[in-house]
Amino acid sequence: MLPETESPEFDLLVVGGAGVDTIVRVDRLEIPPGDSRFVEPVRDYVGHTGNGVALGAHRLGLRTAFLDFLGDDPQGDLVRAHYRRHGLHFAHLVSPHGTPRGVNLVDADGRRFSFFDGRHPADLRLPREFYLPYAERSRHVHLSITGVNRDMYDDLRRLGRTTSADLHDWDGANPHHRDYALGSDLVFLSVAGCRDRHEQVMRAILAEGRAAAVTATAGAEGCYLLTREDGVLRHLPAVDPGRPVVDTNGAGDAFVSGFLYAWFRGHPPLDCARAGSAAGAFTCTSAGTHTDFIDPRELDTLLSR
C-alpha cells in the first residue's frame, strides 16, 4: 500500500518524457521498392512516454504534475500550449538542445515502429532545486527512462515516496535501464525486447531490485504480472475495447496510468493490471499518439465486460 503523506498536493508526479511525435501512416512496416511513396497526411502530435502517463492520469482524475526539459523552439511551444488546453500542471526548464522528437511509422493494423532522436546528452539532469519542491508535495513519482531524472532516487527514498518506471522494450541487459529497473517500486516493461525471456527478466527485477510488482505488456496477447508477494507469473488476456484498433501509439503509457489509477484506490495488483489493460486498449482505438484517454466511467464500463 501507499505510504501516508501529509495532504500531498499531487497524487502523481511524472518526471521526464515530453516531446513531439510525427506520425507517418504506411501500408506495412517495411521499406517498399523505389525511393518515394505517397502516404496519408503526416501529422505532429504532442507525445512521448511521460506525456502519455501524465495526460492519462490527469484524464482519470489523478492530481498530476509533470516536469521536464523543453527547447525554446516551435515544438516546445506546441507542447506548452497543449498542456495549457488540458489543464495539466506542467513545469519545465529550457534545454539548449531543443525539444525531443520522434518519428513513428504506423501500419494498416495499427502497429508502430518509433524512431526517437534522443537529443538530450546523457549527462543532462534536472537540478535538485527544481524537482525537490514537487517531490515533497507529491504522493508517488513516475520516472520516465530519459535519464534527466536518474539522480532523483536517493531523495525520493529519503522522502518516503513510492516510485515507478516504464522500461519499454528493455532486453534485460542494457545498462541505461538498470537504475530504473532496480530502483522503482512498480516496474513496467514490454515483452518486445525480451520475448520468450520476459519471465526471466521480470524475476531478475524482483530478485535484484525493490519492486513489489512487475508487469510486461504483450500487445494483442495481453500482459503478464509478477508480484513479490506470491512470485506467481500470471497472464491476463487483452481487453476488447469494443471498437477497431487503429493505432497502438501510447498504449503502454495508458496502461501505466490505468494501473496507477487503480493502485491509488487500493486495489490489488491483479485488478490494477486489468485496469491498465483496459486503459491501453481504449487508447488504441484513436489515430495518433496520446490523442484520446479513458475516463473513470469508460474504464469501469470496459472492466465490467
C-alpha atoms as a PDB file:
ATOM      1  CA  MET A   1       0.000   0.000   0.000  1.00  0.00           C
ATOM      2  CA  LEU A   2       0.993   3.630  -0.339  1.00  0.00           C
ATOM      3  CA  PRO A   3       2.703   5.477   2.493  1.00  0.00           C
ATOM      4  CA  GLU A   4       0.713   8.075   4.333  1.00  0.00           C
ATOM      5  CA  THR A   5       1.670  11.660   3.498  1.00  0.00           C
ATOM      6  CA  GLU A   6       0.630  14.968   4.933  1.00  0.00           C
ATOM      7  CA  SER A   7      -2.063  16.081   2.471  1.00  0.00           C
ATOM      8  CA  PRO A   8       0.049  15.959  -0.716  1.00  0.00           C
ATOM      9  CA  GLU A   9      -0.868  18.491  -3.385  1.00  0.00           C
ATOM     10  CA  PHE A  10      -0.340  15.928  -6.154  1.00  0.00           C
ATOM     11  CA  ASP A  11      -1.191  12.244  -6.343  1.00  0.00           C
ATOM     12  CA  LEU A  12       1.309  11.715  -9.135  1.00  0.00           C
ATOM     13  CA  LEU A  13       4.482  13.477 -10.237  1.00  0.00           C
ATOM     14  CA  VAL A  14       5.753  12.460 -13.680  1.00  0.00           C
ATOM     15  CA  VAL A  15       9.363  13.404 -14.428  1.00  0.00           C
ATOM     16  CA  GLY A  16      10.764  13.375 -17.966  1.00  0.00           C
ATOM     17  CA  GLY A  17       9.382  12.263 -21.297  1.00  0.00           C
ATOM     18  CA  ALA A  18       7.818  15.264 -23.082  1.00  0.00           C
ATOM     19  CA  GLY A  19       8.245  15.821 -26.803  1.00  0.00           C
ATOM     20  CA  VAL A  20       6.653  15.805 -30.238  1.00  0.00           C
ATOM     21  CA  ASP A  21       5.912  12.766 -32.391  1.00  0.00           C
ATOM     22  CA  THR A  22       5.498  12.854 -36.150  1.00  0.00           C
ATOM     23  CA  ILE A  23       3.133  10.071 -37.229  1.00  0.00           C
ATOM     24  CA  VAL A  24       3.514   8.550 -40.695  1.00  0.00           C
ATOM     25  CA  ARG A  25       0.837   6.045 -41.704  1.00  0.00           C
ATOM     26  CA  VAL A  26       2.085   3.328 -44.066  1.00  0.00           C
ATOM     27  CA  ASP A  27       0.668   0.110 -45.517  1.00  0.00           C
ATOM     28  CA  ARG A  28       3.342  -2.086 -43.968  1.00  0.00           C
ATOM     29  CA  LEU A  29       6.300  -1.654 -41.617  1.00  0.00           C
ATOM     30  CA  GLU A  30       8.848  -2.251 -44.365  1.00  0.00           C
ATOM     31  CA  ILE A  31      10.707  -0.223 -46.956  1.00  0.00           C
ATOM     32  CA  PRO A  32       8.904  -0.501 -50.333  1.00  0.00           C
ATOM     33  CA  PRO A  33      10.787  -0.590 -53.649  1.00  0.00           C
ATOM     34  CA  GLY A  34      11.820   2.705 -55.195  1.00  0.00           C
ATOM     35  CA  ASP A  35      12.740   5.895 -53.351  1.00  0.00           C
ATOM     36  CA  SER A  36       9.384   7.513 -52.519  1.00  0.00           C
ATOM     37  CA  ARG A  37       5.786   6.698 -51.756  1.00  0.00           C
ATOM     38  CA  PHE A  38       2.616   8.742 -51.186  1.00  0.00           C
ATOM     39  CA  VAL A  39       1.182   8.357 -47.668  1.00  0.00           C
ATOM     40  CA  GLU A  40      -1.683   9.806 -45.676  1.00  0.00           C
ATOM     41  CA  PRO A  41      -1.114  13.319 -44.288  1.00  0.00           C
ATOM     42  CA  VAL A  42       1.890  13.400 -41.954  1.00  0.00           C
ATOM     43  CA  ARG A  43       0.900  14.939 -38.612  1.00  0.00           C
ATOM     44  CA  ASP A  44       2.688  16.172 -35.497  1.00  0.00           C
ATOM     45  CA  TYR A  45       1.370  15.274 -32.051  1.00  0.00           C
ATOM     46  CA  VAL A  46       2.453  16.163 -28.536  1.00  0.00           C
ATOM     47  CA  GLY A  47       3.729  12.823 -27.350  1.00  0.00           C
ATOM     48  CA  HIS A  48       6.441  10.689 -25.718  1.00  0.00           C
ATOM     49  CA  THR A  49       6.231   8.466 -22.694  1.00  0.00           C
ATOM     50  CA  GLY A  50       5.944  10.898 -19.779  1.00  0.00           C
ATOM     51  CA  ASN A  51       3.344  12.878 -21.690  1.00  0.00           C
ATOM     52  CA  GLY A  52       1.167   9.774 -22.084  1.00  0.00           C
ATOM     53  CA  VAL A  53       1.347   8.805 -18.425  1.00  0.00           C
ATOM     54  CA  ALA A  54       0.702  12.358 -17.209  1.00  0.00           C
ATOM     55  CA  LEU A  55      -2.239  13.083 -19.508  1.00  0.00           C
ATOM     56  CA  GLY A  56      -3.726   9.624 -18.977  1.00  0.00           C
ATOM     57  CA  ALA A  57      -3.591  10.018 -15.200  1.00  0.00           C
ATOM     58  CA  HIS A  58      -4.958  13.559 -15.445  1.00  0.00           C
ATOM     59  CA  ARG A  59      -7.902  12.285 -17.511  1.00  0.00           C
ATOM     60  CA  LEU A  60      -8.603   9.666 -14.825  1.00  0.00           C
ATOM     61  CA  GLY A  61      -8.859  12.395 -12.202  1.00  0.00           C
ATOM     62  CA  LEU A  62      -5.486  11.973 -10.506  1.00  0.00           C
ATOM     63  CA  ARG A  63      -3.925  15.231  -9.352  1.00  0.00           C
ATOM     64  CA  THR A  64      -0.914  15.189 -11.643  1.00  0.00           C
ATOM     65  CA  ALA A  65       2.186  17.327 -12.138  1.00  0.00           C
ATOM     66  CA  PHE A  66       4.723  16.913 -14.935  1.00  0.00           C
ATOM     67  CA  LEU A  67       8.357  18.115 -15.074  1.00  0.00           C
ATOM     68  CA  ASP A  68      10.857  18.078 -17.926  1.00  0.00           C
ATOM     69  CA  PHE A  69      13.247  19.955 -20.196  1.00  0.00           C
ATOM     70  CA  LEU A  70      11.881  21.568 -23.366  1.00  0.00           C
ATOM     71  CA  GLY A  71      13.518  23.550 -26.114  1.00  0.00           C
ATOM     72  CA  ASP A  72      12.819  27.198 -26.876  1.00  0.00           C
ATOM     73  CA  ASP A  73      11.512  26.179 -30.279  1.00  0.00           C
ATOM     74  CA  PRO A  74       8.203  25.654 -32.151  1.00  0.00           C
ATOM     75  CA  GLN A  75       7.908  22.104 -30.811  1.00  0.00           C
ATOM     76  CA  GLY A  76       8.277  23.373 -27.249  1.00  0.00           C
ATOM     77  CA  ASP A  77       5.575  25.968 -27.913  1.00  0.00           C
ATOM     78  CA  LEU A  78       3.306  23.188 -29.190  1.00  0.00           C
ATOM     79  CA  VAL A  79       3.851  21.147 -26.009  1.00  0.00           C
ATOM     80  CA  ARG A  80       3.254  24.051 -23.635  1.00  0.00           C
ATOM     81  CA  ALA A  81       0.080  25.152 -25.405  1.00  0.00           C
ATOM     82  CA  HIS A  82      -1.222  21.566 -25.364  1.00  0.00           C
ATOM     83  CA  TYR A  83      -0.864  21.273 -21.595  1.00  0.00           C
ATOM     84  CA  ARG A  84      -2.486  24.648 -21.010  1.00  0.00           C
ATOM     85  CA  ARG A  85      -5.522  23.490 -23.008  1.00  0.00           C
ATOM     86  CA  HIS A  86      -5.742  20.283 -20.987  1.00  0.00           C
ATOM     87  CA  GLY A  87      -5.212  21.995 -17.639  1.00  0.00           C
ATOM     88  CA  LEU A  88      -2.204  19.791 -16.809  1.00  0.00           C
ATOM     89  CA  HIS A  89       0.229  21.232 -14.270  1.00  0.00           C
ATOM     90  CA  PHE A  90       3.499  21.369 -16.212  1.00  0.00           C
ATOM     91  CA  ALA A  91       6.812  22.956 -15.245  1.00  0.00           C
ATOM     92  CA  HIS A  92       9.952  22.906 -17.360  1.00  0.00           C
ATOM     93  CA  LEU A  93      13.473  24.170 -17.828  1.00  0.00           C
ATOM     94  CA  VAL A  94      14.784  25.267 -21.228  1.00  0.00           C
ATOM     95  CA  SER A  95      17.234  22.891 -22.873  1.00  0.00           C
ATOM     96  CA  PRO A  96      19.689  24.322 -25.428  1.00  0.00           C
ATOM     97  CA  HIS A  97      19.423  21.011 -27.253  1.00  0.00           C
ATOM     98  CA  GLY A  98      15.789  21.604 -28.186  1.00  0.00           C
ATOM     99  CA  THR A  99      12.595  19.630 -27.700  1.00  0.00           C
ATOM    100  CA  PRO A 100      12.918  15.852 -28.217  1.00  0.00           C
ATOM    101  CA  ARG A 101      11.240  14.456 -31.308  1.00  0.00           C
ATOM    102  CA  GLY A 102      10.221  11.083 -32.644  1.00  0.00           C
ATOM    103  CA  VAL A 103       9.016   9.721 -35.977  1.00  0.00           C
ATOM    104  CA  ASN A 104       6.560   6.843 -35.682  1.00  0.00           C
ATOM    105  CA  LEU A 105       5.556   4.610 -38.586  1.00  0.00           C
ATOM    106  CA  VAL A 106       2.085   3.109 -38.167  1.00  0.00           C
ATOM    107  CA  ASP A 107       0.824   0.291 -40.409  1.00  0.00           C
ATOM    108  CA  ALA A 108      -2.697  -0.604 -41.508  1.00  0.00           C
ATOM    109  CA  ASP A 109      -3.200  -2.808 -38.408  1.00  0.00           C
ATOM    110  CA  GLY A 110      -2.212  -0.036 -36.024  1.00  0.00           C
ATOM    111  CA  ARG A 111       1.218  -1.468 -35.199  1.00  0.00           C
ATOM    112  CA  ARG A 112       4.001   1.062 -34.879  1.00  0.00           C
ATOM    113  CA  PHE A 113       7.759   1.447 -35.022  1.00  0.00           C
ATOM    114  CA  SER A 114       9.293   4.519 -33.428  1.00  0.00           C
ATOM    115  CA  PHE A 115      12.481   6.455 -34.212  1.00  0.00           C
ATOM    116  CA  PHE A 116      13.435   8.625 -31.219  1.00  0.00           C
ATOM    117  CA  ASP A 117      16.041  11.348 -31.696  1.00  0.00           C
ATOM    118  CA  GLY A 118      17.407  11.259 -28.119  1.00  0.00           C
ATOM    119  CA  ARG A 119      18.854  14.737 -28.473  1.00  0.00           C
ATOM    120  CA  HIS A 120      19.460  15.369 -24.768  1.00  0.00           C
ATOM    121  CA  PRO A 121      23.049  14.453 -23.781  1.00  0.00           C
ATOM    122  CA  ALA A 122      23.468  11.514 -21.425  1.00  0.00           C
ATOM    123  CA  ASP A 123      24.620  13.700 -18.531  1.00  0.00           C
ATOM    124  CA  LEU A 124      21.726  16.191 -18.663  1.00  0.00           C
ATOM    125  CA  ARG A 125      19.892  16.246 -15.317  1.00  0.00           C
ATOM    126  CA  LEU A 126      17.029  18.207 -13.815  1.00  0.00           C
ATOM    127  CA  PRO A 127      18.583  20.160 -10.919  1.00  0.00           C
ATOM    128  CA  ARG A 128      17.662  19.198  -7.394  1.00  0.00           C
ATOM    129  CA  GLU A 129      16.343  22.663  -6.526  1.00  0.00           C
ATOM    130  CA  PHE A 130      13.870  22.350  -9.400  1.00  0.00           C
ATOM    131  CA  TYR A 131      12.397  18.897  -8.756  1.00  0.00           C
ATOM    132  CA  LEU A 132      12.632  18.619  -4.958  1.00  0.00           C
ATOM    133  CA  PRO A 133       9.758  21.014  -4.084  1.00  0.00           C
ATOM    134  CA  TYR A 134       7.486  18.984  -6.382  1.00  0.00           C
ATOM    135  CA  ALA A 135       8.624  15.658  -4.942  1.00  0.00           C
ATOM    136  CA  GLU A 136       7.896  16.950  -1.448  1.00  0.00           C
ATOM    137  CA  ARG A 137       4.316  17.782  -2.498  1.00  0.00           C
ATOM    138  CA  SER A 138       3.597  14.509  -4.320  1.00  0.00           C
ATOM    139  CA  ARG A 139       2.405  11.093  -3.201  1.00  0.00           C
ATOM    140  CA  HIS A 140       4.073   8.999  -5.925  1.00  0.00           C
ATOM    141  CA  VAL A 141       6.712   9.708  -8.600  1.00  0.00           C
ATOM    142  CA  HIS A 142       6.852   8.123 -12.049  1.00  0.00           C
ATOM    143  CA  LEU A 143      10.280   8.385 -13.663  1.00  0.00           C
ATOM    144  CA  SER A 144      10.498   8.173 -17.446  1.00  0.00           C
ATOM    145  CA  ILE A 145      13.695   6.497 -18.682  1.00  0.00           C
ATOM    146  CA  THR A 146      15.037   9.606 -20.395  1.00  0.00           C
ATOM    147  CA  GLY A 147      17.973   9.994 -17.988  1.00  0.00           C
ATOM    148  CA  VAL A 148      17.211  13.536 -16.813  1.00  0.00           C
ATOM    149  CA  ASN A 149      15.772  12.146 -13.546  1.00  0.00           C
ATOM    150  CA  ARG A 150      18.288   9.361 -12.904  1.00  0.00           C
ATOM    151  CA  ASP A 151      19.750  11.025  -9.787  1.00  0.00           C
ATOM    152  CA  MET A 152      16.401  11.505  -8.011  1.00  0.00           C
ATOM    153  CA  TYR A 153      16.051   8.090  -6.354  1.00  0.00           C
ATOM    154  CA  ASP A 154      18.015   8.905  -3.181  1.00  0.00           C
ATOM    155  CA  ASP A 155      15.865  11.968  -2.487  1.00  0.00           C
ATOM    156  CA  LEU A 156      12.653  10.076  -3.208  1.00  0.00           C
ATOM    157  CA  ARG A 157      13.572   7.272  -0.806  1.00  0.00           C
ATOM    158  CA  ARG A 158      14.514   9.795   1.873  1.00  0.00           C
ATOM    159  CA  LEU A 159      11.097  11.423   1.431  1.00  0.00           C
ATOM    160  CA  GLY A 160       9.365   8.037   1.596  1.00  0.00           C
ATOM    161  CA  ARG A 161       7.878   8.422  -1.882  1.00  0.00           C
ATOM    162  CA  THR A 162       6.942   5.363  -3.892  1.00  0.00           C
ATOM    163  CA  THR A 163       8.214   5.248  -7.465  1.00  0.00           C
ATOM    164  CA  SER A 164       7.512   3.629 -10.807  1.00  0.00           C
ATOM    165  CA  ALA A 165       9.207   3.391 -14.198  1.00  0.00           C
ATOM    166  CA  ASP A 166       8.362   2.028 -17.638  1.00  0.00           C
ATOM    167  CA  LEU A 167      11.356   0.236 -19.187  1.00  0.00           C
ATOM    168  CA  HIS A 168       9.625  -0.136 -22.573  1.00  0.00           C
ATOM    169  CA  ASP A 169      11.373  -2.785 -24.718  1.00  0.00           C
ATOM    170  CA  TRP A 170      14.257  -3.446 -22.299  1.00  0.00           C
ATOM    171  CA  ASP A 171      16.258  -6.558 -23.140  1.00  0.00           C
ATOM    172  CA  GLY A 172      17.228  -7.120 -19.509  1.00  0.00           C
ATOM    173  CA  ALA A 173      20.847  -6.110 -20.129  1.00  0.00           C
ATOM    174  CA  ASN A 174      21.069  -2.539 -21.452  1.00  0.00           C
ATOM    175  CA  PRO A 175      22.676  -0.568 -18.583  1.00  0.00           C
ATOM    176  CA  HIS A 176      20.692   2.597 -19.360  1.00  0.00           C
ATOM    177  CA  HIS A 177      17.533   0.999 -17.936  1.00  0.00           C
ATOM    178  CA  ARG A 178      19.101  -0.740 -14.972  1.00  0.00           C
ATOM    179  CA  ASP A 179      18.839   2.048 -12.374  1.00  0.00           C
ATOM    180  CA  TYR A 180      15.141   2.382 -13.152  1.00  0.00           C
ATOM    181  CA  ALA A 181      14.556  -1.383 -13.135  1.00  0.00           C
ATOM    182  CA  LEU A 182      16.145  -1.906  -9.740  1.00  0.00           C
ATOM    183  CA  GLY A 183      15.236   1.380  -8.059  1.00  0.00           C
ATOM    184  CA  SER A 184      11.476   1.538  -8.634  1.00  0.00           C
ATOM    185  CA  ASP A 185       8.643   0.116  -6.537  1.00  0.00           C
ATOM    186  CA  LEU A 186       6.497  -0.625  -9.605  1.00  0.00           C
ATOM    187  CA  VAL A 187       8.147  -1.636 -12.871  1.00  0.00           C
ATOM    188  CA  PHE A 188       6.525  -1.804 -16.295  1.00  0.00           C
ATOM    189  CA  LEU A 189       8.033  -3.175 -19.500  1.00  0.00           C
ATOM    190  CA  SER A 190       7.120  -4.628 -22.865  1.00  0.00           C
ATOM    191  CA  VAL A 191       7.913  -8.164 -23.992  1.00  0.00           C
ATOM    192  CA  ALA A 192       9.062  -6.681 -27.331  1.00  0.00           C
ATOM    193  CA  GLY A 193      12.684  -6.500 -26.192  1.00  0.00           C
ATOM    194  CA  CYS A 194      12.811  -9.795 -24.289  1.00  0.00           C
ATOM    195  CA  ARG A 195      10.271 -12.052 -25.994  1.00  0.00           C
ATOM    196  CA  ASP A 196      10.467 -15.633 -24.691  1.00  0.00           C
ATOM    197  CA  ARG A 197      12.676 -14.310 -21.866  1.00  0.00           C
ATOM    198  CA  HIS A 198      10.173 -11.969 -20.239  1.00  0.00           C
ATOM    199  CA  GLU A 199       9.663 -14.189 -17.195  1.00  0.00           C
ATOM    200  CA  GLN A 200      13.414 -14.395 -16.642  1.00  0.00           C
ATOM    201  CA  VAL A 201      13.770 -10.602 -16.900  1.00  0.00           C
ATOM    202  CA  MET A 202      10.781  -9.994 -14.614  1.00  0.00           C
ATOM    203  CA  ARG A 203      12.105 -12.361 -11.957  1.00  0.00           C
ATOM    204  CA  ALA A 204      15.542 -10.756 -12.118  1.00  0.00           C
ATOM    205  CA  ILE A 205      13.973  -7.348 -11.466  1.00  0.00           C
ATOM    206  CA  LEU A 206      12.270  -8.695  -8.327  1.00  0.00           C
ATOM    207  CA  ALA A 207      15.360 -10.585  -7.180  1.00  0.00           C
ATOM    208  CA  GLU A 208      17.824  -7.722  -7.628  1.00  0.00           C
ATOM    209  CA  GLY A 209      15.642  -4.666  -7.074  1.00  0.00           C
ATOM    210  CA  ARG A 210      12.988  -3.265  -4.757  1.00  0.00           C
ATOM    211  CA  ALA A 211       9.879  -3.668  -6.914  1.00  0.00           C
ATOM    212  CA  ALA A 212       6.689  -5.014  -5.362  1.00  0.00           C
ATOM    213  CA  ALA A 213       5.214  -5.782  -8.792  1.00  0.00           C
ATOM    214  CA  VAL A 214       6.420  -6.087 -12.379  1.00  0.00           C
ATOM    215  CA  THR A 215       4.159  -6.092 -15.432  1.00  0.00           C
ATOM    216  CA  ALA A 216       5.086  -6.885 -19.023  1.00  0.00           C
ATOM    217  CA  THR A 217       2.700  -5.855 -21.785  1.00  0.00           C
ATOM    218  CA  ALA A 218       2.397  -8.012 -24.898  1.00  0.00           C
ATOM    219  CA  GLY A 219       0.050  -6.095 -27.188  1.00  0.00           C
ATOM    220  CA  ALA A 220      -2.815  -8.189 -28.501  1.00  0.00           C
ATOM    221  CA  GLU A 221      -1.565 -11.101 -26.371  1.00  0.00           C
ATOM    222  CA  GLY A 222      -2.415  -9.232 -23.174  1.00  0.00           C
ATOM    223  CA  CYS A 223       0.051  -8.773 -20.326  1.00  0.00           C
ATOM    224  CA  TYR A 224       1.948 -10.621 -17.604  1.00  0.00           C
ATOM    225  CA  LEU A 225       2.063  -9.802 -13.903  1.00  0.00           C
ATOM    226  CA  LEU A 226       4.586 -10.923 -11.310  1.00  0.00           C
ATOM    227  CA  THR A 227       4.443  -9.801  -7.666  1.00  0.00           C
ATOM    228  CA  ARG A 228       6.876 -10.172  -4.824  1.00  0.00           C
ATOM    229  CA  GLU A 229       4.033 -11.292  -2.562  1.00  0.00           C
ATOM    230  CA  ASP A 230       3.496 -14.704  -4.162  1.00  0.00           C
ATOM    231  CA  GLY A 231       6.028 -14.958  -7.023  1.00  0.00           C
ATOM    232  CA  VAL A 232       3.468 -16.455  -9.425  1.00  0.00           C
ATOM    233  CA  LEU A 233       3.608 -15.308 -13.052  1.00  0.00           C
ATOM    234  CA  ARG A 234       0.085 -14.550 -14.233  1.00  0.00           C
ATOM    235  CA  HIS A 235      -1.116 -13.922 -17.766  1.00  0.00           C
ATOM    236  CA  LEU A 236      -4.062 -11.607 -18.420  1.00  0.00           C
ATOM    237  CA  PRO A 237      -5.722 -11.628 -21.854  1.00  0.00           C
ATOM    238  CA  ALA A 238      -6.088  -8.380 -23.762  1.00  0.00           C
ATOM    239  CA  VAL A 239      -9.200  -6.310 -23.144  1.00  0.00           C
ATOM    240  CA  ASP A 240     -11.596  -5.856 -26.063  1.00  0.00           C
ATOM    241  CA  PRO A 241     -12.052  -2.074 -26.385  1.00  0.00           C
ATOM    242  CA  GLY A 242     -15.330  -2.517 -28.269  1.00  0.00           C
ATOM    243  CA  ARG A 243     -14.025  -0.562 -31.277  1.00  0.00           C
ATOM    244  CA  PRO A 244     -11.455  -1.288 -34.020  1.00  0.00           C
ATOM    245  CA  VAL A 245      -7.765  -0.947 -33.184  1.00  0.00           C
ATOM    246  CA  VAL A 246      -6.276   1.746 -35.424  1.00  0.00           C
ATOM    247  CA  ASP A 247      -3.084   2.918 -33.687  1.00  0.00           C
ATOM    248  CA  THR A 248      -1.075   1.405 -30.833  1.00  0.00           C
ATOM    249  CA  ASN A 249       0.953   4.558 -30.143  1.00  0.00           C
ATOM    250  CA  GLY A 250       0.682   5.402 -26.445  1.00  0.00           C
ATOM    251  CA  ALA A 251      -0.910   2.115 -25.375  1.00  0.00           C
ATOM    252  CA  GLY A 252       1.883   1.295 -22.924  1.00  0.00           C
ATOM    253  CA  ASP A 253       1.728   4.741 -21.331  1.00  0.00           C
ATOM    254  CA  ALA A 254      -2.047   4.475 -20.978  1.00  0.00           C
ATOM    255  CA  PHE A 255      -1.538   1.057 -19.355  1.00  0.00           C
ATOM    256  CA  VAL A 256       0.688   2.693 -16.721  1.00  0.00           C
ATOM    257  CA  SER A 257      -1.866   5.436 -15.992  1.00  0.00           C
ATOM    258  CA  GLY A 258      -4.698   2.896 -15.645  1.00  0.00           C
ATOM    259  CA  PHE A 259      -2.603   0.683 -13.355  1.00  0.00           C
ATOM    260  CA  LEU A 260      -1.642   3.632 -11.137  1.00  0.00           C
ATOM    261  CA  TYR A 261      -5.245   4.854 -11.008  1.00  0.00           C
ATOM    262  CA  ALA A 262      -6.368   1.507  -9.558  1.00  0.00           C
ATOM    263  CA  TRP A 263      -3.304   1.275  -7.311  1.00  0.00           C
ATOM    264  CA  PHE A 264      -4.018   4.671  -5.768  1.00  0.00           C
ATOM    265  CA  ARG A 265      -7.514   3.411  -4.966  1.00  0.00           C
ATOM    266  CA  GLY A 266      -6.061   0.489  -3.014  1.00  0.00           C
ATOM    267  CA  HIS A 267      -6.818  -2.334  -5.470  1.00  0.00           C
ATOM    268  CA  PRO A 268      -4.613  -5.456  -5.563  1.00  0.00           C
ATOM    269  CA  PRO A 269      -2.030  -5.718  -8.375  1.00  0.00           C
ATOM    270  CA  LEU A 270      -4.141  -8.118 -10.455  1.00  0.00           C
ATOM    271  CA  ASP A 271      -7.007  -5.621 -10.605  1.00  0.00           C
ATOM    272  CA  CYS A 272      -4.521  -2.833 -11.303  1.00  0.00           C
ATOM    273  CA  ALA A 273      -3.195  -4.793 -14.292  1.00  0.00           C
ATOM    274  CA  ARG A 274      -6.755  -5.276 -15.552  1.00  0.00           C
ATOM    275  CA  ALA A 275      -7.347  -1.526 -15.292  1.00  0.00           C
ATOM    276  CA  GLY A 276      -4.106  -0.872 -17.136  1.00  0.00           C
ATOM    277  CA  SER A 277      -5.101  -3.289 -19.900  1.00  0.00           C
ATOM    278  CA  ALA A 278      -8.454  -1.569 -20.322  1.00  0.00           C
ATOM    279  CA  ALA A 279      -6.866   1.896 -20.463  1.00  0.00           C
ATOM    280  CA  GLY A 280      -4.295   0.726 -23.008  1.00  0.00           C
ATOM    281  CA  ALA A 281      -6.905  -0.952 -25.198  1.00  0.00           C
ATOM    282  CA  PHE A 282      -9.063   2.184 -25.227  1.00  0.00           C
ATOM    283  CA  THR A 283      -6.141   4.323 -26.440  1.00  0.00           C
ATOM    284  CA  CYS A 284      -5.580   2.008 -29.428  1.00  0.00           C
ATOM    285  CA  THR A 285      -8.953   2.975 -30.917  1.00  0.00           C
ATOM    286  CA  SER A 286      -7.851   6.533 -31.807  1.00  0.00           C
ATOM    287  CA  ALA A 287      -5.406   7.554 -34.532  1.00  0.00           C
ATOM    288  CA  GLY A 288      -2.283   9.429 -33.485  1.00  0.00           C
ATOM    289  CA  THR A 289      -0.382   9.261 -30.236  1.00  0.00           C
ATOM    290  CA  HIS A 290      -1.875  10.202 -26.862  1.00  0.00           C
ATOM    291  CA  THR A 291      -4.933  11.720 -28.535  1.00  0.00           C
ATOM    292  CA  ASP A 292      -7.687  10.025 -26.528  1.00  0.00           C
ATOM    293  CA  PHE A 293      -7.561   8.781 -22.936  1.00  0.00           C
ATOM    294  CA  ILE A 294     -10.066   6.775 -20.969  1.00  0.00           C
ATOM    295  CA  ASP A 295     -12.034   8.405 -18.150  1.00  0.00           C
ATOM    296  CA  PRO A 296     -13.207   6.650 -14.946  1.00  0.00           C
ATOM    297  CA  ARG A 297     -16.702   5.926 -16.281  1.00  0.00           C
ATOM    298  CA  GLU A 298     -15.384   4.407 -19.515  1.00  0.00           C
ATOM    299  CA  LEU A 299     -12.818   2.398 -17.557  1.00  0.00           C
ATOM    300  CA  ASP A 300     -15.488   0.948 -15.298  1.00  0.00           C
ATOM    301  CA  THR A 301     -17.557   0.027 -18.388  1.00  0.00           C
ATOM    302  CA  LEU A 302     -14.679  -1.863 -20.019  1.00  0.00           C
ATOM    303  CA  LEU A 303     -13.806  -3.677 -16.797  1.00  0.00           C
ATOM    304  CA  SER A 304     -17.414  -4.808 -16.327  1.00  0.00           C
ATOM    305  CA  ARG A 305     -17.475  -6.705 -19.647  1.00  0.00           C
END
